[in-house]
Every structure is written in C-alpha cells, then in structure tokens.
Amino acid sequence: MQDLNKKASGLAKGSLACGILTIIPFAGIAFCLAAIIMGIVDLVKIKNGKSGASGKKMDIAGIVLGLVLLPLALFILSIVTGIFVMAASTGTFSEIGNSLSSLIRSLFELVKVKLGF
C-alpha cells in the first residue's frame, strides 16, 4: 500500500493551481470557487487520513488565494459589466463596429490587390 504522507494529492495541486489562475479576468470567479472547494475537500480528506499530509500547505495556499482574490475578481467583473452597459447605452458599439468593418474591408481589398484577385 502506498504511503499517503509522502505525496500531495491532485486536489492539493489543483487547489493551488486554481488559486493562482484566479488572476485571469472573467474566469477568475470560477477559479476562486474551485480553489476554495478543492482545498477544503482535500483538507477534510487529510484530516480523515485518506490523503497525504504533504499537500496541506498547498490546500491552504489555494484557499487563501481564492478567498483573497474573489473580491478582486468580482470588482473587475462589475467594472467591465458597467463599461459594457455604458457603451451599449451610448451607441459606442455601433460606432466601433462600423470602424472595424471598414478596416476589415480595406484589408481584404489590399490583400486582393497584392494577390491579384
């Protein structure tokens, strides 16, 4: 039988990885929750002797990162949502869309001329 005290579990590594990935905008909230949940589940497994104790520090780090960065992720999401709502209400999206479509048309025309189509 494998000695559980020698290796950190996949949950511990996943908790730490998700805690670090919390800095990714938009997906940060999901990574926060995943880090917290995986860390707590693995700590319970360690307490019950079903997982290796060497992953305890990784679990704690993942939980702390998730808890600390969750408000930041929610703040960023609320700011971005507010920006989109303001842009939609002022018609900025249609202006940007028109500019992008004319730019894309110009690029296609340039490619046609250069390639001889």
C-alpha atoms as a PDB file:
ATOM      1  CA  MET A   1       0.000   0.000   0.000  1.00  0.00           C
ATOM      2  CA  GLN A   2       1.184   3.500  -0.853  1.00  0.00           C
ATOM      3  CA  ASP A   3       2.252   5.770   1.993  1.00  0.00           C
ATOM      4  CA  LEU A   4      -0.156   8.716   1.903  1.00  0.00           C
ATOM      5  CA  ASN A   5       2.164  11.064   3.794  1.00  0.00           C
ATOM      6  CA  LYS A   6       4.742  11.225   1.022  1.00  0.00           C
ATOM      7  CA  LYS A   7       2.771  12.733  -1.876  1.00  0.00           C
ATOM      8  CA  ALA A   8       0.455  15.672  -2.222  1.00  0.00           C
ATOM      9  CA  SER A   9      -2.874  14.772  -3.750  1.00  0.00           C
ATOM     10  CA  GLY A  10      -4.200  16.034  -7.050  1.00  0.00           C
ATOM     11  CA  LEU A  11      -6.761  18.079  -5.158  1.00  0.00           C
ATOM     12  CA  ALA A  12      -3.979  19.936  -3.348  1.00  0.00           C
ATOM     13  CA  LYS A  13      -2.164  20.693  -6.594  1.00  0.00           C
ATOM     14  CA  GLY A  14      -5.432  21.662  -8.262  1.00  0.00           C
ATOM     15  CA  SER A  15      -6.381  23.963  -5.418  1.00  0.00           C
ATOM     16  CA  LEU A  16      -3.072  25.795  -5.634  1.00  0.00           C
ATOM     17  CA  ALA A  17      -3.222  25.981  -9.444  1.00  0.00           C
ATOM     18  CA  CYS A  18      -6.776  27.339  -9.395  1.00  0.00           C
ATOM     19  CA  GLY A  19      -5.777  29.822  -6.711  1.00  0.00           C
ATOM     20  CA  ILE A  20      -3.025  31.122  -8.983  1.00  0.00           C
ATOM     21  CA  LEU A  21      -5.294  31.137 -12.060  1.00  0.00           C
ATOM     22  CA  THR A  22      -7.726  33.373 -10.203  1.00  0.00           C
ATOM     23  CA  ILE A  23      -5.922  36.378 -11.680  1.00  0.00           C
ATOM     24  CA  ILE A  24      -7.402  35.595 -15.120  1.00  0.00           C
ATOM     25  CA  PRO A  25     -10.167  38.094 -15.846  1.00  0.00           C
ATOM     26  CA  PHE A  26     -13.724  36.771 -16.289  1.00  0.00           C
ATOM     27  CA  ALA A  27     -12.760  33.194 -15.356  1.00  0.00           C
ATOM     28  CA  GLY A  28     -11.365  34.311 -12.010  1.00  0.00           C
ATOM     29  CA  ILE A  29     -14.598  33.766 -10.117  1.00  0.00           C
ATOM     30  CA  ALA A  30     -14.843  30.145 -11.255  1.00  0.00           C
ATOM     31  CA  PHE A  31     -11.191  29.525 -10.382  1.00  0.00           C
ATOM     32  CA  CYS A  32     -11.701  31.144  -6.943  1.00  0.00           C
ATOM     33  CA  LEU A  33     -14.583  28.856  -6.149  1.00  0.00           C
ATOM     34  CA  ALA A  34     -12.760  25.800  -7.492  1.00  0.00           C
ATOM     35  CA  ALA A  35      -9.651  26.589  -5.414  1.00  0.00           C
ATOM     36  CA  ILE A  36     -11.682  27.020  -2.243  1.00  0.00           C
ATOM     37  CA  ILE A  37     -13.779  23.891  -2.766  1.00  0.00           C
ATOM     38  CA  MET A  38     -10.865  21.634  -3.741  1.00  0.00           C
ATOM     39  CA  GLY A  39      -8.772  22.919  -0.857  1.00  0.00           C
ATOM     40  CA  ILE A  40     -11.487  22.303   1.718  1.00  0.00           C
ATOM     41  CA  VAL A  41     -12.282  18.842   0.334  1.00  0.00           C
ATOM     42  CA  ASP A  42      -8.618  17.840   0.467  1.00  0.00           C
ATOM     43  CA  LEU A  43      -8.173  19.211   3.991  1.00  0.00           C
ATOM     44  CA  VAL A  44     -11.104  17.065   5.111  1.00  0.00           C
ATOM     45  CA  LYS A  45      -9.518  14.058   3.382  1.00  0.00           C
ATOM     46  CA  ILE A  46      -6.209  14.782   5.118  1.00  0.00           C
ATOM     47  CA  LYS A  47      -7.997  15.005   8.466  1.00  0.00           C
ATOM     48  CA  ASN A  48      -9.673  11.636   7.840  1.00  0.00           C
ATOM     49  CA  GLY A  49      -6.371  10.067   6.766  1.00  0.00           C
ATOM     50  CA  LYS A  50      -7.449   9.491   3.161  1.00  0.00           C
ATOM     51  CA  SER A  51      -4.976  11.916   1.597  1.00  0.00           C
ATOM     52  CA  GLY A  52      -1.306  12.809   2.026  1.00  0.00           C
ATOM     53  CA  ALA A  53      -0.497  15.431   4.638  1.00  0.00           C
ATOM     54  CA  SER A  54       2.216  16.948   2.448  1.00  0.00           C
ATOM     55  CA  GLY A  55      -0.477  18.711   0.399  1.00  0.00           C
ATOM     56  CA  LYS A  56      -1.835  20.634   3.374  1.00  0.00           C
ATOM     57  CA  LYS A  57       0.239  23.754   2.649  1.00  0.00           C
ATOM     58  CA  MET A  58      -0.874  23.743  -0.984  1.00  0.00           C
ATOM     59  CA  ASP A  59      -4.503  23.434   0.107  1.00  0.00           C
ATOM     60  CA  ILE A  60      -4.188  26.341   2.500  1.00  0.00           C
ATOM     61  CA  ALA A  61      -2.417  28.475  -0.119  1.00  0.00           C
ATOM     62  CA  GLY A  62      -5.133  27.711  -2.684  1.00  0.00           C
ATOM     63  CA  ILE A  63      -7.905  28.558  -0.227  1.00  0.00           C
ATOM     64  CA  VAL A  64      -6.211  31.807   0.823  1.00  0.00           C
ATOM     65  CA  LEU A  65      -5.603  32.876  -2.791  1.00  0.00           C
ATOM     66  CA  GLY A  66      -9.206  32.068  -3.656  1.00  0.00           C
ATOM     67  CA  LEU A  67     -10.589  33.997  -0.690  1.00  0.00           C
ATOM     68  CA  VAL A  68      -8.299  36.992  -1.151  1.00  0.00           C
ATOM     69  CA  LEU A  69      -8.743  37.307  -4.907  1.00  0.00           C
ATOM     70  CA  LEU A  70     -12.506  36.609  -5.024  1.00  0.00           C
ATOM     71  CA  PRO A  71     -13.466  40.211  -4.136  1.00  0.00           C
ATOM     72  CA  LEU A  72     -10.966  41.471  -6.715  1.00  0.00           C
ATOM     73  CA  ALA A  73     -12.452  39.203  -9.393  1.00  0.00           C
ATOM     74  CA  LEU A  74     -15.979  40.376  -8.514  1.00  0.00           C
ATOM     75  CA  PHE A  75     -14.842  44.011  -8.626  1.00  0.00           C
ATOM     76  CA  ILE A  76     -13.249  43.578 -12.052  1.00  0.00           C
ATOM     77  CA  LEU A  77     -16.360  41.825 -13.349  1.00  0.00           C
ATOM     78  CA  SER A  78     -18.601  44.633 -12.081  1.00  0.00           C
ATOM     79  CA  ILE A  79     -16.386  47.320 -13.661  1.00  0.00           C
ATOM     80  CA  VAL A  80     -16.321  45.537 -17.021  1.00  0.00           C
ATOM     81  CA  THR A  81     -20.082  44.975 -16.909  1.00  0.00           C
ATOM     82  CA  GLY A  82     -20.605  48.655 -16.169  1.00  0.00           C
ATOM     83  CA  ILE A  83     -18.375  49.644 -19.077  1.00  0.00           C
ATOM     84  CA  PHE A  84     -20.325  47.397 -21.452  1.00  0.00           C
ATOM     85  CA  VAL A  85     -23.657  48.751 -20.221  1.00  0.00           C
ATOM     86  CA  MET A  86     -22.483  52.345 -20.666  1.00  0.00           C
ATOM     87  CA  ALA A  87     -21.090  51.611 -24.125  1.00  0.00           C
ATOM     88  CA  ALA A  88     -24.299  49.898 -25.193  1.00  0.00           C
ATOM     89  CA  SER A  89     -26.489  52.740 -23.924  1.00  0.00           C
ATOM     90  CA  THR A  90     -24.465  55.428 -25.714  1.00  0.00           C
ATOM     91  CA  GLY A  91     -24.230  53.588 -29.050  1.00  0.00           C
ATOM     92  CA  THR A  92     -20.469  53.212 -28.887  1.00  0.00           C
ATOM     93  CA  PHE A  93     -20.689  49.601 -30.003  1.00  0.00           C
ATOM     94  CA  SER A  94     -22.249  50.549 -33.326  1.00  0.00           C
ATOM     95  CA  GLU A  95     -19.526  53.148 -33.963  1.00  0.00           C
ATOM     96  CA  ILE A  96     -16.786  50.652 -33.131  1.00  0.00           C
ATOM     97  CA  GLY A  97     -18.488  48.009 -35.278  1.00  0.00           C
ATOM     98  CA  ASN A  98     -18.647  50.359 -38.261  1.00  0.00           C
ATOM     99  CA  SER A  99     -14.985  51.274 -37.863  1.00  0.00           C
ATOM    100  CA  LEU A 100     -13.928  47.631 -37.588  1.00  0.00           C
ATOM    101  CA  SER A 101     -15.972  46.552 -40.590  1.00  0.00           C
ATOM    102  CA  SER A 102     -14.494  49.311 -42.765  1.00  0.00           C
ATOM    103  CA  LEU A 103     -10.996  48.369 -41.578  1.00  0.00           C
ATOM    104  CA  ILE A 104     -11.590  44.707 -42.400  1.00  0.00           C
ATOM    105  CA  ARG A 105     -12.980  45.631 -45.853  1.00  0.00           C
ATOM    106  CA  SER A 106      -9.882  47.752 -46.528  1.00  0.00           C
ATOM    107  CA  LEU A 107      -7.601  44.900 -45.503  1.00  0.00           C
ATOM    108  CA  PHE A 108      -9.423  42.471 -47.792  1.00  0.00           C
ATOM    109  CA  GLU A 109      -9.163  44.923 -50.686  1.00  0.00           C
ATOM    110  CA  LEU A 110      -5.442  45.299 -50.019  1.00  0.00           C
ATOM    111  CA  VAL A 111      -4.982  41.523 -49.990  1.00  0.00           C
ATOM    112  CA  LYS A 112      -6.951  41.217 -53.255  1.00  0.00           C
ATOM    113  CA  VAL A 113      -4.754  43.820 -54.956  1.00  0.00           C
ATOM    114  CA  LYS A 114      -1.496  42.288 -53.682  1.00  0.00           C
ATOM    115  CA  LEU A 115      -2.502  38.737 -54.646  1.00  0.00           C
ATOM    116  CA  GLY A 116      -4.054  39.770 -57.963  1.00  0.00           C
ATOM    117  CA  PHE A 117      -7.600  38.556 -57.429  1.00  0.00           C
END
